[in-house]
Amino acid sequence: MNTFKRLNEPDPRFAVDAFDTPALSAQEHAVLEAIRATPYGSVEVVLHQSRIVQVVKTEKVKLESDPLHR
């Protein structure tokens, strides 16, 4: 039996309707902002006792090759 879930499938345990949407905490907002502000890279979320205590953002910068230095 496959226990892995595809990322694009909704998880019914977390389903909420428009009138029952829980408010996001400041820590959750920080995670979303780090994701949105990182076009290439990674975002690591550090938890202690199920609480977000640190957000580490690693951004990759793509450099164009300089045609004059070939």
C-alpha atoms as a PDB file:
ATOM      1  CA  MET A   1       0.000   0.000   0.000  1.00  0.00           C
ATOM      2  CA  ASN A   2       1.342   3.419  -0.967  1.00  0.00           C
ATOM      3  CA  THR A   3       1.523   5.706   2.081  1.00  0.00           C
ATOM      4  CA  PHE A   4       2.871   8.721   0.189  1.00  0.00           C
ATOM      5  CA  LYS A   5       0.505  11.512  -0.771  1.00  0.00           C
ATOM      6  CA  ARG A   6       0.813  13.634  -3.867  1.00  0.00           C
ATOM      7  CA  LEU A   7       1.398  17.304  -3.068  1.00  0.00           C
ATOM      8  CA  ASN A   8      -1.442  18.560  -5.242  1.00  0.00           C
ATOM      9  CA  GLU A   9      -4.095  16.370  -3.608  1.00  0.00           C
ATOM     10  CA  PRO A  10      -5.996  18.085  -0.785  1.00  0.00           C
ATOM     11  CA  ASP A  11      -5.722  16.483   2.618  1.00  0.00           C
ATOM     12  CA  PRO A  12      -9.203  16.165   4.156  1.00  0.00           C
ATOM     13  CA  ARG A  13      -7.750  16.508   7.668  1.00  0.00           C
ATOM     14  CA  PHE A  14      -6.873  20.131   6.879  1.00  0.00           C
ATOM     15  CA  ALA A  15      -9.927  21.065   4.843  1.00  0.00           C
ATOM     16  CA  VAL A  16     -11.613  24.264   5.975  1.00  0.00           C
ATOM     17  CA  ASP A  17     -14.283  26.296   4.282  1.00  0.00           C
ATOM     18  CA  ALA A  18     -14.181  30.030   3.668  1.00  0.00           C
ATOM     19  CA  PHE A  19     -16.034  30.778   6.898  1.00  0.00           C
ATOM     20  CA  ASP A  20     -13.887  28.568   9.134  1.00  0.00           C
ATOM     21  CA  THR A  21     -10.395  29.571   7.994  1.00  0.00           C
ATOM     22  CA  PRO A  22      -8.039  29.886  10.959  1.00  0.00           C
ATOM     23  CA  ALA A  23      -5.955  33.049  11.149  1.00  0.00           C
ATOM     24  CA  LEU A  24      -2.250  32.635  10.439  1.00  0.00           C
ATOM     25  CA  SER A  25       0.240  33.381  13.195  1.00  0.00           C
ATOM     26  CA  ALA A  26       3.115  35.823  12.754  1.00  0.00           C
ATOM     27  CA  GLN A  27       5.477  32.851  12.451  1.00  0.00           C
ATOM     28  CA  GLU A  28       3.353  31.300   9.697  1.00  0.00           C
ATOM     29  CA  HIS A  29       3.322  34.619   7.861  1.00  0.00           C
ATOM     30  CA  ALA A  30       7.130  34.735   8.119  1.00  0.00           C
ATOM     31  CA  VAL A  31       7.357  31.308   6.458  1.00  0.00           C
ATOM     32  CA  LEU A  32       5.024  32.342   3.630  1.00  0.00           C
ATOM     33  CA  GLU A  33       6.907  35.594   3.067  1.00  0.00           C
ATOM     34  CA  ALA A  34      10.228  33.727   2.911  1.00  0.00           C
ATOM     35  CA  ILE A  35       8.770  31.358   0.314  1.00  0.00           C
ATOM     36  CA  ARG A  36       7.305  34.174  -1.765  1.00  0.00           C
ATOM     37  CA  ALA A  37      10.535  36.187  -1.636  1.00  0.00           C
ATOM     38  CA  THR A  38      12.728  33.297  -2.817  1.00  0.00           C
ATOM     39  CA  PRO A  39      12.547  32.748  -6.591  1.00  0.00           C
ATOM     40  CA  TYR A  40      15.303  30.084  -6.503  1.00  0.00           C
ATOM     41  CA  GLY A  41      16.554  28.399  -3.342  1.00  0.00           C
ATOM     42  CA  SER A  42      15.147  26.795  -0.242  1.00  0.00           C
ATOM     43  CA  VAL A  43      13.284  27.672   2.931  1.00  0.00           C
ATOM     44  CA  GLU A  44      13.927  25.653   6.065  1.00  0.00           C
ATOM     45  CA  VAL A  45      11.544  25.837   9.015  1.00  0.00           C
ATOM     46  CA  VAL A  46      12.948  24.926  12.443  1.00  0.00           C
ATOM     47  CA  LEU A  47      10.439  23.695  15.018  1.00  0.00           C
ATOM     48  CA  HIS A  48      10.648  23.231  18.781  1.00  0.00           C
ATOM     49  CA  GLN A  49       7.694  21.460  20.377  1.00  0.00           C
ATOM     50  CA  SER A  50       5.611  22.020  17.210  1.00  0.00           C
ATOM     51  CA  ARG A  51       6.271  25.773  17.244  1.00  0.00           C
ATOM     52  CA  ILE A  52       8.119  27.672  14.543  1.00  0.00           C
ATOM     53  CA  VAL A  53      11.239  29.155  16.094  1.00  0.00           C
ATOM     54  CA  GLN A  54      13.409  29.846  13.056  1.00  0.00           C
ATOM     55  CA  VAL A  55      13.077  30.333   9.312  1.00  0.00           C
ATOM     56  CA  VAL A  56      16.253  29.846   7.259  1.00  0.00           C
ATOM     57  CA  LYS A  57      16.172  31.095   3.675  1.00  0.00           C
ATOM     58  CA  THR A  58      18.868  30.098   1.201  1.00  0.00           C
ATOM     59  CA  GLU A  59      18.610  31.960  -2.086  1.00  0.00           C
ATOM     60  CA  LYS A  60      20.328  30.955  -5.291  1.00  0.00           C
ATOM     61  CA  VAL A  61      21.413  33.760  -7.599  1.00  0.00           C
ATOM     62  CA  LYS A  62      21.734  32.876 -11.266  1.00  0.00           C
ATOM     63  CA  LEU A  63      24.540  34.793 -12.950  1.00  0.00           C
ATOM     64  CA  GLU A  64      24.677  35.404 -16.656  1.00  0.00           C
ATOM     65  CA  SER A  65      27.974  34.584 -18.336  1.00  0.00           C
ATOM     66  CA  ASP A  66      29.891  37.660 -19.495  1.00  0.00           C
ATOM     67  CA  PRO A  67      30.368  37.409 -23.277  1.00  0.00           C
ATOM     68  CA  LEU A  68      33.523  39.603 -23.091  1.00  0.00           C
ATOM     69  CA  HIS A  69      35.380  37.089 -20.860  1.00  0.00           C
ATOM     70  CA  ARG A  70      35.022  33.962 -22.982  1.00  0.00           C
END
